[in-house]
Amino acid sequence: MASDNSLLLEDYFRHLAVERRLSPHTLVAYSRDLKLFFLSNSSPSVDAISSADIKHHIARLNRRGLSPRSIRRALSCLHSFFVYLVRKGLLANNPAMGVKAPKIARKLPRVLDTDQTAQLLVGKVATPIEKRDRALLELLYGSGIRLAELVGLDIKDLDLANGNARVLGKGRKTRIVPLGSHTVTALKTWLATRADRNPEDPVFIGRGDRRISPRTVQLRVKRAGMKALGVDSIHPHLLRHSFASHLLESSGDLRAVQELLGHSDISTTQIYTHLDFQHLAKVYDVSHPRAHEKKEQGQ
């Protein structure tokens, strides 16, 4: 890789880390994708790169057997880098503009139905750990927050009197999420077990009173699913999907669901409209006279 390209990449990664505040995981992925492009590209400098070079790189990744999702991410990374250079006045045009990535077959997330969710959240809790686990389950399903957002919550972020919480989401964006009465009750019950708590303390703690780890939350949610539903496939993100699907099913308000989930792009939220349609299709099959007629004629 030419040294001037290396300097440009260093400057770009500094921009991503400091100004856009991307996560370390995302920075590693961007670094890997960009360095692979420059190592395999023959153009000596960025102003010599053409759309053909980008297309050849995409074809090369495809021949290597990379998934469409990985190829799309690599192209998005290149596009973002060249946009940055255009804005800095170092390039006249973005060579990645108009280059198409392979389509991804969109996979609908699995969700729990309302009866399954109710089963997961019933039963008496007696020990502090049981009260903690009930509180985190209620919070995951009752607010739809992400696993990382739950783990990062401090007591000062909760406003139980007014039924809301302040969470730090992706891109270090803060949003306020409402908490239902069941969630508020479960959180109060759990926090009441901690006599020496301070506002700066984590909401959820594990061994040694340290902030609970994402892995521990995953294991406790899985354990709760096994106990209540007899399945070992329940995980925090499934509860987020269920929250979104059930809320959209009841309200039909896609924009509100987008805000509650903290999605920057409504297209991400729109996947739940497909889930909602599946629910409507089932209702139609069970309830509509024409659906029954069709079934009877087919027998």
C-alpha atoms as a PDB file:
ATOM      1  CA  MET A   1       0.000   0.000   0.000  1.00  0.00           C
ATOM      2  CA  ALA A   2       1.399   3.420  -0.959  1.00  0.00           C
ATOM      3  CA  SER A   3       2.472   5.542   2.007  1.00  0.00           C
ATOM      4  CA  ASP A   4       0.193   8.460   1.032  1.00  0.00           C
ATOM      5  CA  ASN A   5      -2.764   6.052   1.047  1.00  0.00           C
ATOM      6  CA  SER A   6      -1.718   4.863   4.504  1.00  0.00           C
ATOM      7  CA  LEU A   7      -1.768   8.451   5.777  1.00  0.00           C
ATOM      8  CA  LEU A   8      -5.224   9.011   4.305  1.00  0.00           C
ATOM      9  CA  LEU A   9      -6.495   5.854   5.976  1.00  0.00           C
ATOM     10  CA  GLU A  10      -5.034   6.897   9.330  1.00  0.00           C
ATOM     11  CA  ASP A  11      -6.752  10.266   9.023  1.00  0.00           C
ATOM     12  CA  TYR A  12     -10.038   8.586   8.069  1.00  0.00           C
ATOM     13  CA  PHE A  13      -9.925   6.120  10.975  1.00  0.00           C
ATOM     14  CA  ARG A  14      -9.239   9.005  13.352  1.00  0.00           C
ATOM     15  CA  HIS A  15     -12.329  10.732  11.926  1.00  0.00           C
ATOM     16  CA  LEU A  16     -14.421   7.571  12.478  1.00  0.00           C
ATOM     17  CA  ALA A  17     -13.205   7.128  16.049  1.00  0.00           C
ATOM     18  CA  VAL A  18     -13.274  10.747  17.235  1.00  0.00           C
ATOM     19  CA  GLU A  19     -15.970  12.509  15.197  1.00  0.00           C
ATOM     20  CA  ARG A  20     -18.350   9.684  14.326  1.00  0.00           C
ATOM     21  CA  ARG A  21     -17.509   7.742  17.514  1.00  0.00           C
ATOM     22  CA  LEU A  22     -17.928   4.328  15.914  1.00  0.00           C
ATOM     23  CA  SER A  23     -17.514   1.262  18.090  1.00  0.00           C
ATOM     24  CA  PRO A  24     -14.140  -0.568  18.223  1.00  0.00           C
ATOM     25  CA  HIS A  25     -15.780  -3.553  16.502  1.00  0.00           C
ATOM     26  CA  THR A  26     -16.937  -1.396  13.571  1.00  0.00           C
ATOM     27  CA  LEU A  27     -13.529   0.280  13.320  1.00  0.00           C
ATOM     28  CA  VAL A  28     -11.813  -3.112  13.057  1.00  0.00           C
ATOM     29  CA  ALA A  29     -14.227  -4.182  10.287  1.00  0.00           C
ATOM     30  CA  TYR A  30     -13.696  -0.922   8.339  1.00  0.00           C
ATOM     31  CA  SER A  31      -9.928  -1.183   8.710  1.00  0.00           C
ATOM     32  CA  ARG A  32      -9.910  -4.772   7.457  1.00  0.00           C
ATOM     33  CA  ASP A  33     -12.114  -3.985   4.442  1.00  0.00           C
ATOM     34  CA  LEU A  34     -10.192  -0.903   3.349  1.00  0.00           C
ATOM     35  CA  LYS A  35      -6.744  -2.420   3.773  1.00  0.00           C
ATOM     36  CA  LEU A  36      -7.819  -5.489   1.777  1.00  0.00           C
ATOM     37  CA  PHE A  37      -9.008  -3.224  -1.053  1.00  0.00           C
ATOM     38  CA  PHE A  38      -5.751  -1.244  -1.225  1.00  0.00           C
ATOM     39  CA  LEU A  39      -3.575  -4.342  -0.947  1.00  0.00           C
ATOM     40  CA  SER A  40      -5.354  -6.002  -3.859  1.00  0.00           C
ATOM     41  CA  ASN A  41      -5.761  -2.885  -6.003  1.00  0.00           C
ATOM     42  CA  SER A  42      -3.031  -1.884  -8.464  1.00  0.00           C
ATOM     43  CA  SER A  43      -3.814   1.858  -8.558  1.00  0.00           C
ATOM     44  CA  PRO A  44      -0.975   3.745  -6.823  1.00  0.00           C
ATOM     45  CA  SER A  45      -3.131   6.524  -5.372  1.00  0.00           C
ATOM     46  CA  VAL A  46      -6.777   7.198  -4.528  1.00  0.00           C
ATOM     47  CA  ASP A  47      -7.289   9.739  -7.329  1.00  0.00           C
ATOM     48  CA  ALA A  48      -6.448   7.004  -9.863  1.00  0.00           C
ATOM     49  CA  ILE A  49      -9.148   4.615  -8.580  1.00  0.00           C
ATOM     50  CA  SER A  50     -12.095   4.136 -10.919  1.00  0.00           C
ATOM     51  CA  SER A  51     -15.531   2.521 -10.702  1.00  0.00           C
ATOM     52  CA  ALA A  52     -14.052  -0.402 -12.647  1.00  0.00           C
ATOM     53  CA  ASP A  53     -11.529  -0.964  -9.832  1.00  0.00           C
ATOM     54  CA  ILE A  54     -14.384  -1.090  -7.310  1.00  0.00           C
ATOM     55  CA  LYS A  55     -16.362  -3.532  -9.472  1.00  0.00           C
ATOM     56  CA  HIS A  56     -13.320  -5.780  -9.913  1.00  0.00           C
ATOM     57  CA  HIS A  57     -12.829  -5.791  -6.135  1.00  0.00           C
ATOM     58  CA  ILE A  58     -16.474  -6.763  -5.535  1.00  0.00           C
ATOM     59  CA  ALA A  59     -16.138  -9.568  -8.101  1.00  0.00           C
ATOM     60  CA  ARG A  60     -12.937 -10.724  -6.389  1.00  0.00           C
ATOM     61  CA  LEU A  61     -14.691 -10.891  -3.002  1.00  0.00           C
ATOM     62  CA  ASN A  62     -17.523 -12.844  -4.597  1.00  0.00           C
ATOM     63  CA  ARG A  63     -15.072 -15.367  -6.090  1.00  0.00           C
ATOM     64  CA  ARG A  64     -13.513 -15.820  -2.650  1.00  0.00           C
ATOM     65  CA  GLY A  65     -16.903 -16.973  -1.390  1.00  0.00           C
ATOM     66  CA  LEU A  66     -17.746 -14.001   0.850  1.00  0.00           C
ATOM     67  CA  SER A  67     -21.394 -13.744   1.782  1.00  0.00           C
ATOM     68  CA  PRO A  68     -23.559 -11.043   0.150  1.00  0.00           C
ATOM     69  CA  ARG A  69     -23.805  -9.352   3.574  1.00  0.00           C
ATOM     70  CA  SER A  70     -20.007  -9.139   3.913  1.00  0.00           C
ATOM     71  CA  ILE A  71     -19.652  -7.831   0.352  1.00  0.00           C
ATOM     72  CA  ARG A  72     -22.299  -5.164   0.977  1.00  0.00           C
ATOM     73  CA  ARG A  73     -20.458  -4.079   4.121  1.00  0.00           C
ATOM     74  CA  ALA A  74     -17.152  -3.853   2.189  1.00  0.00           C
ATOM     75  CA  LEU A  75     -18.783  -1.733  -0.521  1.00  0.00           C
ATOM     76  CA  SER A  76     -20.466   0.487   2.073  1.00  0.00           C
ATOM     77  CA  CYS A  77     -17.097   0.968   3.745  1.00  0.00           C
ATOM     78  CA  LEU A  78     -15.448   2.016   0.437  1.00  0.00           C
ATOM     79  CA  HIS A  79     -18.343   4.333  -0.374  1.00  0.00           C
ATOM     80  CA  SER A  80     -18.061   6.019   3.037  1.00  0.00           C
ATOM     81  CA  PHE A  81     -14.283   6.438   2.670  1.00  0.00           C
ATOM     82  CA  PHE A  82     -14.533   8.065  -0.741  1.00  0.00           C
ATOM     83  CA  VAL A  83     -17.369  10.361   0.432  1.00  0.00           C
ATOM     84  CA  TYR A  84     -15.003  11.520   3.180  1.00  0.00           C
ATOM     85  CA  LEU A  85     -12.236  12.244   0.641  1.00  0.00           C
ATOM     86  CA  VAL A  86     -14.648  14.180  -1.620  1.00  0.00           C
ATOM     87  CA  ARG A  87     -15.760  16.306   1.339  1.00  0.00           C
ATOM     88  CA  LYS A  88     -12.111  16.979   2.215  1.00  0.00           C
ATOM     89  CA  GLY A  89     -11.515  18.142  -1.363  1.00  0.00           C
ATOM     90  CA  LEU A  90      -9.061  15.320  -2.073  1.00  0.00           C
ATOM     91  CA  LEU A  91     -11.247  13.696  -4.757  1.00  0.00           C
ATOM     92  CA  ALA A  92     -13.548  15.197  -7.378  1.00  0.00           C
ATOM     93  CA  ASN A  93     -15.912  12.216  -7.543  1.00  0.00           C
ATOM     94  CA  ASN A  94     -16.762   9.095  -5.588  1.00  0.00           C
ATOM     95  CA  PRO A  95     -15.709   6.046  -7.680  1.00  0.00           C
ATOM     96  CA  ALA A  96     -17.955   3.762  -5.593  1.00  0.00           C
ATOM     97  CA  MET A  97     -21.069   5.710  -6.559  1.00  0.00           C
ATOM     98  CA  GLY A  98     -23.443   3.565  -8.590  1.00  0.00           C
ATOM     99  CA  VAL A  99     -21.618   0.276  -7.946  1.00  0.00           C
ATOM    100  CA  LYS A 100     -24.213  -2.257  -6.868  1.00  0.00           C
ATOM    101  CA  ALA A 101     -23.732  -4.945  -4.244  1.00  0.00           C
ATOM    102  CA  PRO A 102     -25.387  -8.368  -4.319  1.00  0.00           C
ATOM    103  CA  LYS A 103     -28.856  -8.528  -2.791  1.00  0.00           C
ATOM    104  CA  ILE A 104     -29.321 -10.129   0.609  1.00  0.00           C
ATOM    105  CA  ALA A 105     -32.189 -12.496   1.159  1.00  0.00           C
ATOM    106  CA  ARG A 106     -33.866 -10.794   4.106  1.00  0.00           C
ATOM    107  CA  LYS A 107     -34.453 -13.171   6.971  1.00  0.00           C
ATOM    108  CA  LEU A 108     -37.439 -12.422   9.179  1.00  0.00           C
ATOM    109  CA  PRO A 109     -36.606 -12.514  12.876  1.00  0.00           C
ATOM    110  CA  ARG A 110     -38.342 -15.109  15.000  1.00  0.00           C
ATOM    111  CA  VAL A 111     -40.631 -13.747  17.706  1.00  0.00           C
ATOM    112  CA  LEU A 112     -42.520 -15.113  20.688  1.00  0.00           C
ATOM    113  CA  ASP A 113     -46.288 -14.869  20.632  1.00  0.00           C
ATOM    114  CA  THR A 114     -48.037 -13.040  23.461  1.00  0.00           C
ATOM    115  CA  ASP A 115     -48.931 -16.254  25.302  1.00  0.00           C
ATOM    116  CA  GLN A 116     -45.317 -17.434  25.285  1.00  0.00           C
ATOM    117  CA  THR A 117     -44.154 -14.044  26.522  1.00  0.00           C
ATOM    118  CA  ALA A 118     -46.695 -14.139  29.336  1.00  0.00           C
ATOM    119  CA  GLN A 119     -45.455 -17.600  30.356  1.00  0.00           C
ATOM    120  CA  LEU A 120     -41.899 -16.285  30.470  1.00  0.00           C
ATOM    121  CA  LEU A 121     -42.887 -13.475  32.847  1.00  0.00           C
ATOM    122  CA  VAL A 122     -45.135 -15.266  35.356  1.00  0.00           C
ATOM    123  CA  GLY A 123     -44.342 -17.110  38.559  1.00  0.00           C
ATOM    124  CA  LYS A 124     -43.177 -16.055  41.987  1.00  0.00           C
ATOM    125  CA  VAL A 125     -39.690 -14.690  42.556  1.00  0.00           C
ATOM    126  CA  ALA A 126     -38.115 -14.960  45.993  1.00  0.00           C
ATOM    127  CA  THR A 127     -34.314 -14.697  45.920  1.00  0.00           C
ATOM    128  CA  PRO A 128     -32.392 -11.566  44.880  1.00  0.00           C
ATOM    129  CA  ILE A 129     -31.115 -13.328  41.735  1.00  0.00           C
ATOM    130  CA  GLU A 130     -34.663 -14.333  40.774  1.00  0.00           C
ATOM    131  CA  LYS A 131     -35.806 -10.726  41.294  1.00  0.00           C
ATOM    132  CA  ARG A 132     -32.893  -9.449  39.205  1.00  0.00           C
ATOM    133  CA  ASP A 133     -33.640 -11.893  36.396  1.00  0.00           C
ATOM    134  CA  ARG A 134     -37.343 -10.972  36.379  1.00  0.00           C
ATOM    135  CA  ALA A 135     -36.431  -7.281  36.215  1.00  0.00           C
ATOM    136  CA  LEU A 136     -34.082  -7.723  33.265  1.00  0.00           C
ATOM    137  CA  LEU A 137     -36.614  -9.892  31.418  1.00  0.00           C
ATOM    138  CA  GLU A 138     -39.361  -7.319  31.996  1.00  0.00           C
ATOM    139  CA  LEU A 139     -37.050  -4.528  30.845  1.00  0.00           C
ATOM    140  CA  LEU A 140     -35.915  -6.333  27.679  1.00  0.00           C
ATOM    141  CA  TYR A 141     -39.463  -7.166  26.596  1.00  0.00           C
ATOM    142  CA  GLY A 142     -41.188  -4.128  28.129  1.00  0.00           C
ATOM    143  CA  SER A 143     -38.962  -1.509  26.492  1.00  0.00           C
ATOM    144  CA  GLY A 144     -37.281  -3.315  23.574  1.00  0.00           C
ATOM    145  CA  ILE A 145     -33.823  -2.054  24.506  1.00  0.00           C
ATOM    146  CA  ARG A 146     -30.696  -3.756  23.204  1.00  0.00           C
ATOM    147  CA  LEU A 147     -28.534  -6.048  25.326  1.00  0.00           C
ATOM    148  CA  ALA A 148     -25.665  -3.517  25.425  1.00  0.00           C
ATOM    149  CA  GLU A 149     -28.103  -0.770  26.438  1.00  0.00           C
ATOM    150  CA  LEU A 150     -29.413  -2.865  29.322  1.00  0.00           C
ATOM    151  CA  VAL A 151     -25.926  -3.765  30.543  1.00  0.00           C
ATOM    152  CA  GLY A 152     -24.833  -0.110  30.397  1.00  0.00           C
ATOM    153  CA  LEU A 153     -27.747   1.243  32.460  1.00  0.00           C
ATOM    154  CA  ASP A 154     -26.934   2.984  35.732  1.00  0.00           C
ATOM    155  CA  ILE A 155     -29.432   3.608  38.513  1.00  0.00           C
ATOM    156  CA  LYS A 156     -29.347   7.352  37.784  1.00  0.00           C
ATOM    157  CA  ASP A 157     -30.655   6.571  34.280  1.00  0.00           C
ATOM    158  CA  LEU A 158     -33.943   5.295  35.707  1.00  0.00           C
ATOM    159  CA  ASP A 159     -36.895   7.570  36.450  1.00  0.00           C
ATOM    160  CA  LEU A 160     -39.265   5.066  37.997  1.00  0.00           C
ATOM    161  CA  ALA A 161     -41.584   7.751  39.355  1.00  0.00           C
ATOM    162  CA  ASN A 162     -42.372   8.872  35.803  1.00  0.00           C
ATOM    163  CA  GLY A 163     -41.898   5.439  34.212  1.00  0.00           C
ATOM    164  CA  ASN A 164     -38.985   5.980  31.843  1.00  0.00           C
ATOM    165  CA  ALA A 165     -35.282   5.296  31.379  1.00  0.00           C
ATOM    166  CA  ARG A 166     -32.454   7.033  29.529  1.00  0.00           C
ATOM    167  CA  VAL A 167     -30.412   4.622  27.422  1.00  0.00           C
ATOM    168  CA  LEU A 168     -27.217   5.075  25.433  1.00  0.00           C
ATOM    169  CA  GLY A 169     -27.703   3.452  22.038  1.00  0.00           C
ATOM    170  CA  LYS A 170     -25.668   2.883  18.882  1.00  0.00           C
ATOM    171  CA  GLY A 171     -23.476   5.780  17.821  1.00  0.00           C
ATOM    172  CA  ARG A 172     -23.587   6.939  21.450  1.00  0.00           C
ATOM    173  CA  LYS A 173     -27.036   8.418  20.863  1.00  0.00           C
ATOM    174  CA  THR A 174     -29.190   8.883  23.952  1.00  0.00           C
ATOM    175  CA  ARG A 175     -32.931   8.261  23.929  1.00  0.00           C
ATOM    176  CA  ILE A 176     -35.692   8.051  26.524  1.00  0.00           C
ATOM    177  CA  VAL A 177     -37.766   4.860  26.583  1.00  0.00           C
ATOM    178  CA  PRO A 178     -41.048   4.452  28.465  1.00  0.00           C
ATOM    179  CA  LEU A 179     -41.370   1.710  31.093  1.00  0.00           C
ATOM    180  CA  GLY A 180     -44.634  -0.101  31.680  1.00  0.00           C
ATOM    181  CA  SER A 181     -46.076  -0.731  35.145  1.00  0.00           C
ATOM    182  CA  HIS A 182     -44.860  -4.358  35.223  1.00  0.00           C
ATOM    183  CA  THR A 183     -41.323  -3.258  34.347  1.00  0.00           C
ATOM    184  CA  VAL A 184     -41.339  -0.491  36.968  1.00  0.00           C
ATOM    185  CA  THR A 185     -42.588  -2.899  39.651  1.00  0.00           C
ATOM    186  CA  ALA A 186     -39.962  -5.503  38.762  1.00  0.00           C
ATOM    187  CA  LEU A 187     -37.160  -2.919  38.838  1.00  0.00           C
ATOM    188  CA  LYS A 188     -38.304  -1.530  42.212  1.00  0.00           C
ATOM    189  CA  THR A 189     -38.468  -5.058  43.633  1.00  0.00           C
ATOM    190  CA  TRP A 190     -34.945  -5.820  42.425  1.00  0.00           C
ATOM    191  CA  LEU A 191     -33.415  -2.528  43.571  1.00  0.00           C
ATOM    192  CA  ALA A 192     -35.013  -2.935  47.010  1.00  0.00           C
ATOM    193  CA  THR A 193     -32.701  -5.927  47.575  1.00  0.00           C
ATOM    194  CA  ARG A 194     -29.655  -3.603  47.361  1.00  0.00           C
ATOM    195  CA  ALA A 195     -29.498  -1.527  50.535  1.00  0.00           C
ATOM    196  CA  ASP A 196     -26.202   0.232  49.739  1.00  0.00           C
ATOM    197  CA  ARG A 197     -26.947   1.230  46.155  1.00  0.00           C
ATOM    198  CA  ASN A 198     -25.831   4.601  44.761  1.00  0.00           C
ATOM    199  CA  PRO A 199     -27.088   6.526  41.709  1.00  0.00           C
ATOM    200  CA  GLU A 200     -23.793   5.845  39.898  1.00  0.00           C
ATOM    201  CA  ASP A 201     -24.073   2.070  40.398  1.00  0.00           C
ATOM    202  CA  PRO A 202     -25.125  -0.264  37.562  1.00  0.00           C
ATOM    203  CA  VAL A 203     -28.785  -1.264  37.524  1.00  0.00           C
ATOM    204  CA  PHE A 204     -27.845  -4.915  37.047  1.00  0.00           C
ATOM    205  CA  ILE A 205     -24.944  -6.492  38.885  1.00  0.00           C
ATOM    206  CA  GLY A 206     -23.425  -9.963  39.020  1.00  0.00           C
ATOM    207  CA  ARG A 207     -20.776 -11.570  41.147  1.00  0.00           C
ATOM    208  CA  GLY A 208     -18.774  -9.245  43.362  1.00  0.00           C
ATOM    209  CA  ASP A 209     -21.388  -6.515  42.798  1.00  0.00           C
ATOM    210  CA  ARG A 210     -19.753  -5.762  39.440  1.00  0.00           C
ATOM    211  CA  ARG A 211     -21.740  -4.681  36.391  1.00  0.00           C
ATOM    212  CA  ILE A 212     -23.411  -7.720  34.891  1.00  0.00           C
ATOM    213  CA  SER A 213     -21.781  -8.993  31.688  1.00  0.00           C
ATOM    214  CA  PRO A 214     -23.644  -9.422  28.373  1.00  0.00           C
ATOM    215  CA  ARG A 215     -22.822 -13.144  28.482  1.00  0.00           C
ATOM    216  CA  THR A 216     -24.411 -13.531  31.917  1.00  0.00           C
ATOM    217  CA  VAL A 217     -27.599 -11.814  30.700  1.00  0.00           C
ATOM    218  CA  GLN A 218     -27.719 -14.141  27.686  1.00  0.00           C
ATOM    219  CA  LEU A 219     -27.322 -17.209  29.897  1.00  0.00           C
ATOM    220  CA  ARG A 220     -29.960 -16.055  32.401  1.00  0.00           C
ATOM    221  CA  VAL A 221     -32.470 -15.309  29.612  1.00  0.00           C
ATOM    222  CA  LYS A 222     -31.776 -18.705  28.064  1.00  0.00           C
ATOM    223  CA  ARG A 223     -32.244 -20.364  31.471  1.00  0.00           C
ATOM    224  CA  ALA A 224     -35.558 -18.553  31.983  1.00  0.00           C
ATOM    225  CA  GLY A 225     -36.761 -19.716  28.562  1.00  0.00           C
ATOM    226  CA  MET A 226     -35.818 -23.291  29.354  1.00  0.00           C
ATOM    227  CA  LYS A 227     -37.636 -23.168  32.681  1.00  0.00           C
ATOM    228  CA  ALA A 228     -40.812 -21.439  31.450  1.00  0.00           C
ATOM    229  CA  LEU A 229     -41.138 -22.680  27.860  1.00  0.00           C
ATOM    230  CA  GLY A 230     -38.942 -25.779  27.710  1.00  0.00           C
ATOM    231  CA  VAL A 231     -36.770 -24.333  24.914  1.00  0.00           C
ATOM    232  CA  ASP A 232     -33.148 -23.197  24.975  1.00  0.00           C
ATOM    233  CA  SER A 233     -33.395 -20.716  22.102  1.00  0.00           C
ATOM    234  CA  ILE A 234     -34.611 -17.630  23.983  1.00  0.00           C
ATOM    235  CA  HIS A 235     -32.143 -14.721  23.855  1.00  0.00           C
ATOM    236  CA  PRO A 236     -32.244 -10.960  24.584  1.00  0.00           C
ATOM    237  CA  HIS A 237     -32.619  -9.887  20.948  1.00  0.00           C
ATOM    238  CA  LEU A 238     -35.587 -12.237  20.537  1.00  0.00           C
ATOM    239  CA  LEU A 239     -37.351 -10.265  23.288  1.00  0.00           C
ATOM    240  CA  ARG A 240     -36.540  -7.030  21.428  1.00  0.00           C
ATOM    241  CA  HIS A 241     -38.021  -8.485  18.233  1.00  0.00           C
ATOM    242  CA  SER A 242     -41.096  -9.628  20.150  1.00  0.00           C
ATOM    243  CA  PHE A 243     -41.542  -6.181  21.725  1.00  0.00           C
ATOM    244  CA  ALA A 244     -41.413  -4.501  18.295  1.00  0.00           C
ATOM    245  CA  SER A 245     -43.702  -7.002  16.605  1.00  0.00           C
ATOM    246  CA  HIS A 246     -46.337  -6.955  19.348  1.00  0.00           C
ATOM    247  CA  LEU A 247     -46.297  -3.156  19.550  1.00  0.00           C
ATOM    248  CA  LEU A 248     -46.641  -2.727  15.791  1.00  0.00           C
ATOM    249  CA  GLU A 249     -49.346  -5.382  15.718  1.00  0.00           C
ATOM    250  CA  SER A 250     -51.364  -3.406  18.283  1.00  0.00           C
ATOM    251  CA  SER A 251     -50.683   0.162  17.165  1.00  0.00           C
ATOM    252  CA  GLY A 252     -49.727   0.068  13.488  1.00  0.00           C
ATOM    253  CA  ASP A 253     -47.494   3.084  14.197  1.00  0.00           C
ATOM    254  CA  LEU A 254     -44.199   2.342  12.438  1.00  0.00           C
ATOM    255  CA  ARG A 255     -42.623   5.720  13.296  1.00  0.00           C
ATOM    256  CA  ALA A 256     -43.295   5.269  17.012  1.00  0.00           C
ATOM    257  CA  VAL A 257     -41.744   1.782  16.947  1.00  0.00           C
ATOM    258  CA  GLN A 258     -38.718   3.211  15.125  1.00  0.00           C
ATOM    259  CA  GLU A 259     -38.243   5.825  17.866  1.00  0.00           C
ATOM    260  CA  LEU A 260     -38.635   3.303  20.671  1.00  0.00           C
ATOM    261  CA  LEU A 261     -36.139   0.887  19.118  1.00  0.00           C
ATOM    262  CA  GLY A 262     -33.613   3.644  18.402  1.00  0.00           C
ATOM    263  CA  HIS A 263     -33.374   2.848  14.675  1.00  0.00           C
ATOM    264  CA  SER A 264     -31.744   5.671  12.702  1.00  0.00           C
ATOM    265  CA  ASP A 265     -33.278   4.383   9.452  1.00  0.00           C
ATOM    266  CA  ILE A 266     -36.950   3.433   9.232  1.00  0.00           C
ATOM    267  CA  SER A 267     -36.110   0.738   6.655  1.00  0.00           C
ATOM    268  CA  THR A 268     -34.604  -1.256   9.535  1.00  0.00           C
ATOM    269  CA  THR A 269     -37.920  -1.053  11.390  1.00  0.00           C
ATOM    270  CA  GLN A 270     -39.939  -2.001   8.322  1.00  0.00           C
ATOM    271  CA  ILE A 271     -38.985  -5.662   8.698  1.00  0.00           C
ATOM    272  CA  TYR A 272     -41.596  -5.810  11.451  1.00  0.00           C
ATOM    273  CA  THR A 273     -44.310  -4.861   8.989  1.00  0.00           C
ATOM    274  CA  HIS A 274     -43.616  -8.210   7.295  1.00  0.00           C
ATOM    275  CA  LEU A 275     -44.019  -9.979  10.621  1.00  0.00           C
ATOM    276  CA  ASP A 276     -47.235  -8.050  11.217  1.00  0.00           C
ATOM    277  CA  PHE A 277     -48.504  -9.129   7.790  1.00  0.00           C
ATOM    278  CA  GLN A 278     -47.810 -12.753   8.699  1.00  0.00           C
ATOM    279  CA  HIS A 279     -49.971 -12.300  11.791  1.00  0.00           C
ATOM    280  CA  LEU A 280     -52.758 -10.719   9.706  1.00  0.00           C
ATOM    281  CA  ALA A 281     -52.565 -13.561   7.201  1.00  0.00           C
ATOM    282  CA  LYS A 282     -53.053 -16.097  10.010  1.00  0.00           C
ATOM    283  CA  VAL A 283     -56.040 -14.127  11.338  1.00  0.00           C
ATOM    284  CA  TYR A 284     -57.500 -14.098   7.819  1.00  0.00           C
ATOM    285  CA  ASP A 285     -57.041 -17.849   7.436  1.00  0.00           C
ATOM    286  CA  VAL A 286     -58.828 -18.506  10.722  1.00  0.00           C
ATOM    287  CA  SER A 287     -61.558 -15.846  10.531  1.00  0.00           C
ATOM    288  CA  HIS A 288     -62.506 -14.858   6.989  1.00  0.00           C
ATOM    289  CA  PRO A 289     -65.430 -16.730   5.336  1.00  0.00           C
ATOM    290  CA  ARG A 290     -63.669 -16.759   1.964  1.00  0.00           C
ATOM    291  CA  ALA A 291     -60.623 -18.396   3.532  1.00  0.00           C
ATOM    292  CA  HIS A 292     -62.829 -21.207   4.832  1.00  0.00           C
ATOM    293  CA  GLU A 293     -64.507 -21.556   1.448  1.00  0.00           C
ATOM    294  CA  LYS A 294     -61.133 -21.863  -0.243  1.00  0.00           C
ATOM    295  CA  LYS A 295     -59.990 -24.535   2.172  1.00  0.00           C
ATOM    296  CA  GLU A 296     -63.213 -26.514   1.818  1.00  0.00           C
ATOM    297  CA  GLN A 297     -63.012 -26.397  -1.984  1.00  0.00           C
ATOM    298  CA  GLY A 298     -59.438 -27.632  -1.863  1.00  0.00           C
ATOM    299  CA  GLN A 299     -60.322 -30.679   0.243  1.00  0.00           C
END
